[in-house]
């Protein structure tokens, strides 16, 4: 298991942070902000990286965004008592749009906090989804309805 952090900040608001990241030799991506607002800097660092301790100190004292993700090895996933499969690809919207999700209840919510549901009726999409090389997908309407707990 490894824990990765996607760190983002504005170079004008935190030039010292940017200097430290460059000094440590961390690969970062910088995008120019409109109107001369500096650069939006983003980089990914693992907690196993030797620079993590210093980066963690900087993140704790700055206004940087820190998005955390846990990465498991294939063996850890195979040996886990529980695994959670999450679709990262969304396409389409349950039809008809005007009736979703208020009038078209095709599921029973088992736990609104955890977004666990059981599908009770078929759903329709406007056209056949184009999955390409993807094996799983989610429909945008489902994600929105569970975020709002409906």
N, C-alpha and C. Protein backbone atom coordinates (compact mmCIF):
# COMPACT_ATOMS: atom_id res chain seq x y z
N UNK A 1 0.85 -1.17 0.00
CA UNK A 1 0.00 0.00 0.00
C UNK A 1 0.89 1.23 0.00
N UNK A 2 0.47 2.21 -0.77
CA UNK A 2 1.17 3.48 -0.79
C UNK A 2 0.12 4.58 -0.80
N UNK A 3 0.46 5.71 -0.25
CA UNK A 3 -0.45 6.84 -0.22
C UNK A 3 0.15 7.94 -1.07
N UNK A 4 -0.62 8.37 -2.07
CA UNK A 4 -0.16 9.43 -2.97
C UNK A 4 -0.94 10.70 -2.70
N UNK A 5 -0.27 11.82 -2.87
CA UNK A 5 -0.87 13.14 -2.67
C UNK A 5 -0.73 13.94 -3.95
N UNK A 6 -1.83 14.53 -4.41
CA UNK A 6 -1.79 15.47 -5.53
C UNK A 6 -1.89 16.86 -4.90
N UNK A 7 -0.79 17.59 -4.98
CA UNK A 7 -0.68 18.90 -4.34
C UNK A 7 -0.81 19.98 -5.42
N UNK A 8 -1.62 21.01 -5.13
CA UNK A 8 -1.80 22.12 -6.06
C UNK A 8 -1.76 23.44 -5.30
N UNK A 9 -1.19 24.46 -5.95
CA UNK A 9 -1.15 25.79 -5.33
C UNK A 9 -0.87 26.84 -6.41
N UNK A 10 -1.06 28.10 -6.06
CA UNK A 10 -0.81 29.23 -6.96
C UNK A 10 0.61 29.73 -6.71
N UNK A 11 1.40 29.86 -7.78
CA UNK A 11 2.80 30.25 -7.64
C UNK A 11 2.97 31.67 -7.11
N UNK A 12 2.04 32.56 -7.39
CA UNK A 12 2.15 33.94 -6.89
C UNK A 12 1.88 33.97 -5.39
N UNK A 13 0.86 33.25 -4.96
CA UNK A 13 0.54 33.21 -3.53
C UNK A 13 1.59 32.48 -2.73
N UNK A 14 2.33 31.59 -3.36
CA UNK A 14 3.29 30.79 -2.60
C UNK A 14 4.55 30.50 -3.42
N UNK A 15 5.30 31.56 -3.71
CA UNK A 15 6.54 31.42 -4.46
C UNK A 15 7.57 30.60 -3.69
N UNK A 16 7.54 30.69 -2.35
CA UNK A 16 8.47 29.93 -1.52
C UNK A 16 8.23 28.42 -1.66
N UNK A 17 6.97 28.02 -1.71
CA UNK A 17 6.62 26.61 -1.90
C UNK A 17 7.14 26.14 -3.25
N UNK A 18 6.92 26.94 -4.30
CA UNK A 18 7.38 26.57 -5.63
C UNK A 18 8.90 26.43 -5.64
N UNK A 19 9.61 27.36 -5.02
CA UNK A 19 11.08 27.27 -4.96
C UNK A 19 11.54 25.99 -4.28
N UNK A 20 10.87 25.62 -3.19
CA UNK A 20 11.22 24.39 -2.47
C UNK A 20 10.99 23.16 -3.32
N UNK A 21 9.87 23.14 -4.05
CA UNK A 21 9.55 22.00 -4.92
C UNK A 21 10.60 21.86 -6.03
N UNK A 22 10.97 22.98 -6.62
CA UNK A 22 12.00 22.96 -7.68
C UNK A 22 13.34 22.52 -7.10
N UNK A 23 13.69 23.04 -5.93
CA UNK A 23 14.96 22.68 -5.28
C UNK A 23 15.03 21.18 -4.97
N UNK A 24 13.90 20.58 -4.59
CA UNK A 24 13.88 19.15 -4.29
C UNK A 24 13.88 18.29 -5.56
N UNK A 25 13.71 18.91 -6.72
CA UNK A 25 13.72 18.18 -7.98
C UNK A 25 12.44 17.42 -8.25
N UNK A 26 11.33 17.87 -7.67
CA UNK A 26 10.04 17.20 -7.86
C UNK A 26 9.44 17.66 -9.18
N UNK A 27 9.04 16.69 -10.01
CA UNK A 27 8.40 17.03 -11.28
C UNK A 27 7.05 17.66 -10.99
N UNK A 28 6.81 18.82 -11.59
CA UNK A 28 5.53 19.50 -11.40
C UNK A 28 5.04 20.01 -12.74
N UNK A 29 3.76 20.28 -12.79
CA UNK A 29 3.13 20.83 -13.99
C UNK A 29 2.62 22.22 -13.61
N UNK A 30 2.97 23.21 -14.40
CA UNK A 30 2.55 24.59 -14.11
C UNK A 30 1.75 25.12 -15.30
N UNK A 31 0.56 25.60 -15.02
CA UNK A 31 -0.31 26.16 -16.05
C UNK A 31 -0.49 27.65 -15.78
N UNK A 32 -0.25 28.47 -16.80
CA UNK A 32 -0.41 29.92 -16.66
C UNK A 32 -1.86 30.27 -16.36
N UNK A 33 -2.08 31.07 -15.34
CA UNK A 33 -3.42 31.53 -15.02
C UNK A 33 -3.72 32.80 -15.82
N UNK A 34 -4.97 33.01 -16.22
CA UNK A 34 -5.31 34.18 -17.03
C UNK A 34 -5.09 35.49 -16.25
N UNK A 35 -4.82 36.54 -16.99
CA UNK A 35 -4.71 37.87 -16.40
C UNK A 35 -3.46 38.08 -15.57
N UNK A 36 -2.42 37.31 -15.83
CA UNK A 36 -1.18 37.47 -15.07
C UNK A 36 -1.31 37.02 -13.63
N UNK A 37 -2.19 36.05 -13.38
CA UNK A 37 -2.42 35.58 -12.02
C UNK A 37 -1.44 34.53 -11.54
N UNK A 38 -0.29 34.43 -12.21
CA UNK A 38 0.71 33.44 -11.80
C UNK A 38 0.47 32.12 -12.49
N UNK A 39 0.95 31.08 -11.86
CA UNK A 39 0.82 29.73 -12.40
C UNK A 39 0.13 28.84 -11.38
N UNK A 40 -0.70 27.92 -11.90
CA UNK A 40 -1.32 26.90 -11.07
C UNK A 40 -0.40 25.70 -11.14
N UNK A 41 0.24 25.39 -10.02
CA UNK A 41 1.26 24.34 -9.97
C UNK A 41 0.66 23.08 -9.34
N UNK A 42 0.89 21.94 -9.98
CA UNK A 42 0.40 20.65 -9.47
C UNK A 42 1.51 19.62 -9.57
N UNK A 43 1.61 18.79 -8.54
CA UNK A 43 2.53 17.66 -8.59
C UNK A 43 1.97 16.53 -7.73
N UNK A 44 2.46 15.32 -8.02
CA UNK A 44 2.04 14.13 -7.28
C UNK A 44 3.25 13.60 -6.54
N UNK A 45 3.06 13.29 -5.26
CA UNK A 45 4.16 12.74 -4.46
C UNK A 45 3.62 11.63 -3.57
N UNK A 46 4.41 10.60 -3.44
CA UNK A 46 4.04 9.46 -2.60
C UNK A 46 4.63 9.65 -1.21
N UNK A 47 3.96 9.11 -0.21
CA UNK A 47 4.49 9.20 1.15
C UNK A 47 5.77 8.38 1.31
N UNK A 48 6.06 7.50 0.37
CA UNK A 48 7.31 6.73 0.42
C UNK A 48 8.47 7.52 -0.18
N UNK A 49 8.18 8.65 -0.81
CA UNK A 49 9.22 9.50 -1.39
C UNK A 49 10.03 10.15 -0.28
N UNK A 50 11.36 10.20 -0.40
CA UNK A 50 12.18 10.81 0.66
C UNK A 50 11.87 12.29 0.90
N UNK A 51 11.28 12.97 -0.07
CA UNK A 51 10.94 14.39 0.08
C UNK A 51 9.60 14.60 0.77
N UNK A 52 8.84 13.52 1.03
CA UNK A 52 7.48 13.67 1.55
C UNK A 52 7.43 14.43 2.87
N UNK A 53 8.34 14.16 3.79
CA UNK A 53 8.30 14.81 5.10
C UNK A 53 8.37 16.34 4.93
N UNK A 54 9.27 16.80 4.10
CA UNK A 54 9.40 18.26 3.86
C UNK A 54 8.15 18.80 3.17
N UNK A 55 7.64 18.08 2.16
CA UNK A 55 6.44 18.53 1.46
C UNK A 55 5.25 18.57 2.42
N UNK A 56 5.12 17.58 3.29
CA UNK A 56 4.02 17.56 4.26
C UNK A 56 4.09 18.77 5.18
N UNK A 57 5.28 19.17 5.59
CA UNK A 57 5.45 20.37 6.42
C UNK A 57 4.99 21.61 5.66
N UNK A 58 5.37 21.71 4.40
CA UNK A 58 4.97 22.86 3.58
C UNK A 58 3.46 22.90 3.39
N UNK A 59 2.86 21.74 3.10
CA UNK A 59 1.41 21.68 2.90
C UNK A 59 0.67 22.10 4.17
N UNK A 60 1.18 21.69 5.32
CA UNK A 60 0.53 21.99 6.60
C UNK A 60 0.55 23.49 6.91
N UNK A 61 1.53 24.21 6.39
CA UNK A 61 1.64 25.63 6.72
C UNK A 61 1.23 26.54 5.57
N UNK A 62 0.79 25.97 4.48
CA UNK A 62 0.41 26.76 3.29
C UNK A 62 -1.06 26.54 2.97
N UNK A 63 -1.53 27.27 1.95
CA UNK A 63 -2.91 27.11 1.48
C UNK A 63 -2.95 26.20 0.25
N UNK A 64 -2.17 25.16 0.25
CA UNK A 64 -2.13 24.23 -0.88
C UNK A 64 -3.29 23.25 -0.78
N UNK A 65 -3.75 22.81 -1.94
CA UNK A 65 -4.77 21.77 -2.00
C UNK A 65 -4.05 20.43 -1.95
N UNK A 66 -4.55 19.50 -1.14
CA UNK A 66 -3.93 18.20 -0.99
C UNK A 66 -4.99 17.12 -1.17
N UNK A 67 -5.00 16.46 -2.33
CA UNK A 67 -5.94 15.38 -2.61
C UNK A 67 -5.20 14.06 -2.39
N UNK A 68 -5.75 13.21 -1.55
CA UNK A 68 -5.06 11.98 -1.11
C UNK A 68 -5.72 10.76 -1.75
N UNK A 69 -4.87 9.82 -2.17
CA UNK A 69 -5.37 8.57 -2.75
C UNK A 69 -4.53 7.41 -2.23
N UNK A 70 -5.18 6.34 -1.83
CA UNK A 70 -4.48 5.14 -1.38
C UNK A 70 -4.34 4.18 -2.54
N UNK A 71 -3.14 3.71 -2.78
CA UNK A 71 -2.85 2.79 -3.87
C UNK A 71 -2.49 1.44 -3.27
N UNK A 72 -3.21 0.39 -3.68
CA UNK A 72 -2.95 -0.95 -3.18
C UNK A 72 -2.27 -1.78 -4.26
N UNK A 73 -1.45 -2.71 -3.84
CA UNK A 73 -0.83 -3.64 -4.79
C UNK A 73 -1.87 -4.67 -5.21
N UNK A 74 -1.60 -5.35 -6.32
CA UNK A 74 -2.52 -6.39 -6.80
C UNK A 74 -2.68 -7.49 -5.75
N UNK A 75 -1.60 -7.83 -5.05
CA UNK A 75 -1.67 -8.86 -4.01
C UNK A 75 -2.54 -8.41 -2.84
N UNK A 76 -2.41 -7.16 -2.42
CA UNK A 76 -3.23 -6.64 -1.32
C UNK A 76 -4.72 -6.67 -1.70
N UNK A 77 -5.01 -6.36 -2.94
CA UNK A 77 -6.41 -6.38 -3.40
C UNK A 77 -6.94 -7.82 -3.40
N UNK A 78 -6.14 -8.75 -3.92
CA UNK A 78 -6.57 -10.16 -3.95
C UNK A 78 -6.79 -10.71 -2.55
N UNK A 79 -5.99 -10.31 -1.59
CA UNK A 79 -6.07 -10.85 -0.23
C UNK A 79 -7.02 -10.08 0.69
N UNK A 80 -7.61 -9.02 0.20
CA UNK A 80 -8.49 -8.19 1.04
C UNK A 80 -9.81 -8.91 1.31
N UNK A 81 -10.33 -8.70 2.50
CA UNK A 81 -11.64 -9.27 2.84
C UNK A 81 -12.72 -8.58 2.01
N UNK A 82 -12.58 -7.27 1.79
CA UNK A 82 -13.54 -6.48 1.02
C UNK A 82 -12.78 -5.66 -0.02
N UNK A 83 -13.38 -5.49 -1.19
CA UNK A 83 -12.84 -4.60 -2.22
C UNK A 83 -13.98 -3.75 -2.74
N UNK A 84 -13.67 -2.55 -3.15
CA UNK A 84 -14.67 -1.64 -3.69
C UNK A 84 -14.27 -1.27 -5.11
N UNK A 85 -15.17 -1.50 -6.04
CA UNK A 85 -14.94 -1.17 -7.43
C UNK A 85 -15.62 0.16 -7.72
N UNK A 86 -14.87 1.14 -8.20
CA UNK A 86 -15.42 2.45 -8.46
C UNK A 86 -15.19 2.79 -9.94
N UNK A 87 -16.24 3.13 -10.64
CA UNK A 87 -16.12 3.51 -12.03
C UNK A 87 -15.53 4.91 -12.12
N UNK A 88 -14.56 5.08 -13.01
CA UNK A 88 -13.98 6.40 -13.23
C UNK A 88 -14.42 6.96 -14.58
N UNK A 89 -15.35 6.28 -15.23
CA UNK A 89 -15.81 6.69 -16.56
C UNK A 89 -17.32 6.86 -16.52
N UNK A 90 -17.79 8.04 -16.88
CA UNK A 90 -19.24 8.28 -16.94
C UNK A 90 -19.62 8.63 -18.36
N UNK A 91 -20.76 8.11 -18.76
CA UNK A 91 -21.28 8.45 -20.08
C UNK A 91 -22.78 8.32 -20.08
N UNK A 92 -23.44 9.27 -20.68
CA UNK A 92 -24.88 9.21 -20.80
C UNK A 92 -25.61 9.70 -19.56
N UNK A 93 -26.92 9.71 -19.68
CA UNK A 93 -27.77 10.19 -18.61
C UNK A 93 -29.06 9.39 -18.71
N UNK A 94 -29.57 8.84 -17.63
CA UNK A 94 -30.80 8.05 -17.71
C UNK A 94 -31.93 8.85 -18.37
N UNK A 95 -32.69 8.19 -19.20
CA UNK A 95 -33.76 8.84 -19.95
C UNK A 95 -35.13 8.49 -19.37
N UNK A 96 -36.12 9.28 -19.55
CA UNK A 96 -36.04 10.62 -20.12
C UNK A 96 -35.47 11.62 -19.11
N UNK A 97 -34.67 12.55 -19.59
CA UNK A 97 -33.98 13.50 -18.72
C UNK A 97 -34.94 14.28 -17.84
N UNK A 98 -36.06 14.68 -18.39
CA UNK A 98 -37.00 15.53 -17.64
C UNK A 98 -37.58 14.83 -16.42
N UNK A 99 -37.56 13.51 -16.41
CA UNK A 99 -38.16 12.77 -15.30
C UNK A 99 -37.13 12.15 -14.36
N UNK A 100 -35.87 12.35 -14.65
CA UNK A 100 -34.83 11.75 -13.81
C UNK A 100 -34.28 12.78 -12.86
N UNK A 101 -34.03 12.54 -11.59
CA UNK A 101 -34.36 11.33 -10.88
C UNK A 101 -35.68 11.44 -10.13
N UNK A 102 -36.35 12.58 -10.25
CA UNK A 102 -37.52 12.84 -9.41
C UNK A 102 -38.66 11.86 -9.62
N UNK A 103 -39.01 11.56 -10.87
CA UNK A 103 -40.18 10.73 -11.13
C UNK A 103 -39.82 9.32 -11.56
N UNK A 104 -38.60 9.10 -11.95
CA UNK A 104 -38.19 7.79 -12.48
C UNK A 104 -37.38 7.07 -11.40
N UNK A 105 -38.03 6.50 -10.44
CA UNK A 105 -37.31 5.78 -9.39
C UNK A 105 -37.10 4.33 -9.81
N UNK A 106 -35.89 4.03 -10.23
CA UNK A 106 -35.59 2.68 -10.68
C UNK A 106 -34.65 1.98 -9.70
N UNK A 107 -34.59 2.49 -8.48
CA UNK A 107 -33.73 1.90 -7.48
C UNK A 107 -34.29 2.14 -6.08
N UNK A 108 -33.88 1.30 -5.15
CA UNK A 108 -34.18 1.50 -3.73
C UNK A 108 -32.87 1.87 -3.06
N UNK A 109 -32.86 2.94 -2.30
CA UNK A 109 -31.65 3.31 -1.58
C UNK A 109 -31.59 2.51 -0.29
N UNK A 110 -30.50 1.80 -0.12
CA UNK A 110 -30.30 1.01 1.09
C UNK A 110 -29.62 1.87 2.16
N UNK A 111 -28.63 2.67 1.75
CA UNK A 111 -27.94 3.56 2.68
C UNK A 111 -27.59 4.86 1.97
N UNK A 112 -28.33 5.96 2.22
CA UNK A 112 -28.04 7.21 1.52
C UNK A 112 -26.66 7.78 1.86
N UNK A 113 -26.17 7.54 3.05
CA UNK A 113 -24.86 8.07 3.44
C UNK A 113 -23.75 7.41 2.62
N UNK A 114 -23.86 6.11 2.40
CA UNK A 114 -22.83 5.36 1.69
C UNK A 114 -23.12 5.24 0.19
N UNK A 115 -24.26 5.70 -0.27
CA UNK A 115 -24.69 5.61 -1.66
C UNK A 115 -24.76 4.15 -2.11
N UNK A 116 -25.33 3.32 -1.25
CA UNK A 116 -25.57 1.92 -1.60
C UNK A 116 -27.02 1.80 -2.05
N UNK A 117 -27.24 1.22 -3.21
CA UNK A 117 -28.58 1.11 -3.73
C UNK A 117 -28.79 -0.25 -4.40
N UNK A 118 -30.05 -0.58 -4.66
CA UNK A 118 -30.41 -1.80 -5.37
C UNK A 118 -31.29 -1.38 -6.54
N UNK A 119 -30.90 -1.76 -7.74
CA UNK A 119 -31.69 -1.41 -8.92
C UNK A 119 -32.95 -2.27 -8.93
N UNK A 120 -34.11 -1.64 -9.10
CA UNK A 120 -35.39 -2.36 -9.09
C UNK A 120 -36.07 -2.39 -10.44
N UNK A 121 -35.78 -1.42 -11.32
CA UNK A 121 -36.37 -1.35 -12.65
C UNK A 121 -35.28 -1.02 -13.66
N UNK A 122 -35.51 -1.37 -14.93
CA UNK A 122 -34.50 -1.05 -15.94
C UNK A 122 -34.38 0.46 -16.16
N UNK A 123 -33.20 0.88 -16.60
CA UNK A 123 -32.97 2.27 -16.97
C UNK A 123 -32.67 2.33 -18.46
N UNK A 124 -32.96 3.47 -19.06
CA UNK A 124 -32.69 3.65 -20.48
C UNK A 124 -31.67 4.75 -20.67
N UNK A 125 -30.80 4.58 -21.67
CA UNK A 125 -29.89 5.63 -22.09
C UNK A 125 -30.33 6.07 -23.48
N UNK A 126 -30.00 7.28 -23.86
CA UNK A 126 -30.42 7.82 -25.15
C UNK A 126 -29.82 7.04 -26.32
N UNK A 127 -28.61 6.53 -26.15
CA UNK A 127 -27.98 5.74 -27.22
C UNK A 127 -27.02 4.75 -26.59
N UNK A 128 -26.57 3.81 -27.38
CA UNK A 128 -25.61 2.81 -26.93
C UNK A 128 -24.34 3.50 -26.45
N UNK A 129 -23.86 3.17 -25.24
CA UNK A 129 -22.65 3.82 -24.77
C UNK A 129 -21.42 3.39 -25.57
N UNK A 130 -20.48 4.29 -25.74
CA UNK A 130 -19.23 4.00 -26.43
C UNK A 130 -18.16 3.74 -25.37
N UNK A 131 -17.98 2.49 -24.99
CA UNK A 131 -17.05 2.15 -23.92
C UNK A 131 -15.59 2.15 -24.36
N UNK A 132 -15.33 1.95 -25.65
CA UNK A 132 -13.95 1.88 -26.11
C UNK A 132 -13.23 0.75 -25.40
N UNK A 133 -12.11 1.04 -24.73
CA UNK A 133 -11.34 0.02 -24.02
C UNK A 133 -11.77 -0.12 -22.56
N UNK A 134 -12.78 0.62 -22.17
CA UNK A 134 -13.22 0.58 -20.78
C UNK A 134 -14.18 -0.58 -20.56
N UNK A 135 -14.17 -1.13 -19.36
CA UNK A 135 -15.03 -2.28 -19.05
C UNK A 135 -16.21 -1.90 -18.18
N UNK A 136 -16.12 -0.80 -17.44
CA UNK A 136 -17.17 -0.38 -16.53
C UNK A 136 -17.49 1.08 -16.77
N UNK A 137 -18.73 1.43 -16.50
CA UNK A 137 -19.11 2.84 -16.61
C UNK A 137 -20.20 3.15 -15.61
N UNK A 138 -20.41 4.43 -15.40
CA UNK A 138 -21.48 4.91 -14.53
C UNK A 138 -22.30 5.90 -15.34
N UNK A 139 -23.52 6.08 -14.95
CA UNK A 139 -24.37 7.07 -15.61
C UNK A 139 -24.36 8.33 -14.76
N UNK A 140 -24.21 9.48 -15.38
CA UNK A 140 -24.12 10.75 -14.67
C UNK A 140 -25.28 10.97 -13.72
N UNK A 141 -26.47 10.58 -14.10
CA UNK A 141 -27.65 10.81 -13.26
C UNK A 141 -27.57 10.07 -11.93
N UNK A 142 -27.02 8.87 -11.93
CA UNK A 142 -26.89 8.12 -10.68
C UNK A 142 -25.96 8.83 -9.71
N UNK A 143 -24.83 9.31 -10.23
CA UNK A 143 -23.87 9.98 -9.37
C UNK A 143 -24.51 11.21 -8.75
N UNK A 144 -25.19 12.01 -9.54
CA UNK A 144 -25.81 13.22 -9.01
C UNK A 144 -26.90 12.88 -7.99
N UNK A 145 -27.70 11.86 -8.28
CA UNK A 145 -28.80 11.56 -7.36
C UNK A 145 -28.28 11.09 -6.01
N UNK A 146 -27.16 10.36 -5.99
CA UNK A 146 -26.67 9.88 -4.71
C UNK A 146 -25.91 10.95 -3.95
N UNK A 147 -25.27 11.87 -4.66
CA UNK A 147 -24.60 12.97 -3.97
C UNK A 147 -25.63 13.77 -3.19
N UNK A 148 -26.81 13.93 -3.76
CA UNK A 148 -27.87 14.68 -3.10
C UNK A 148 -28.74 13.81 -2.20
N UNK A 149 -28.47 12.52 -2.15
CA UNK A 149 -29.18 11.61 -1.25
C UNK A 149 -30.63 11.37 -1.62
N UNK A 150 -30.98 11.52 -2.89
CA UNK A 150 -32.38 11.32 -3.31
C UNK A 150 -32.62 9.89 -3.71
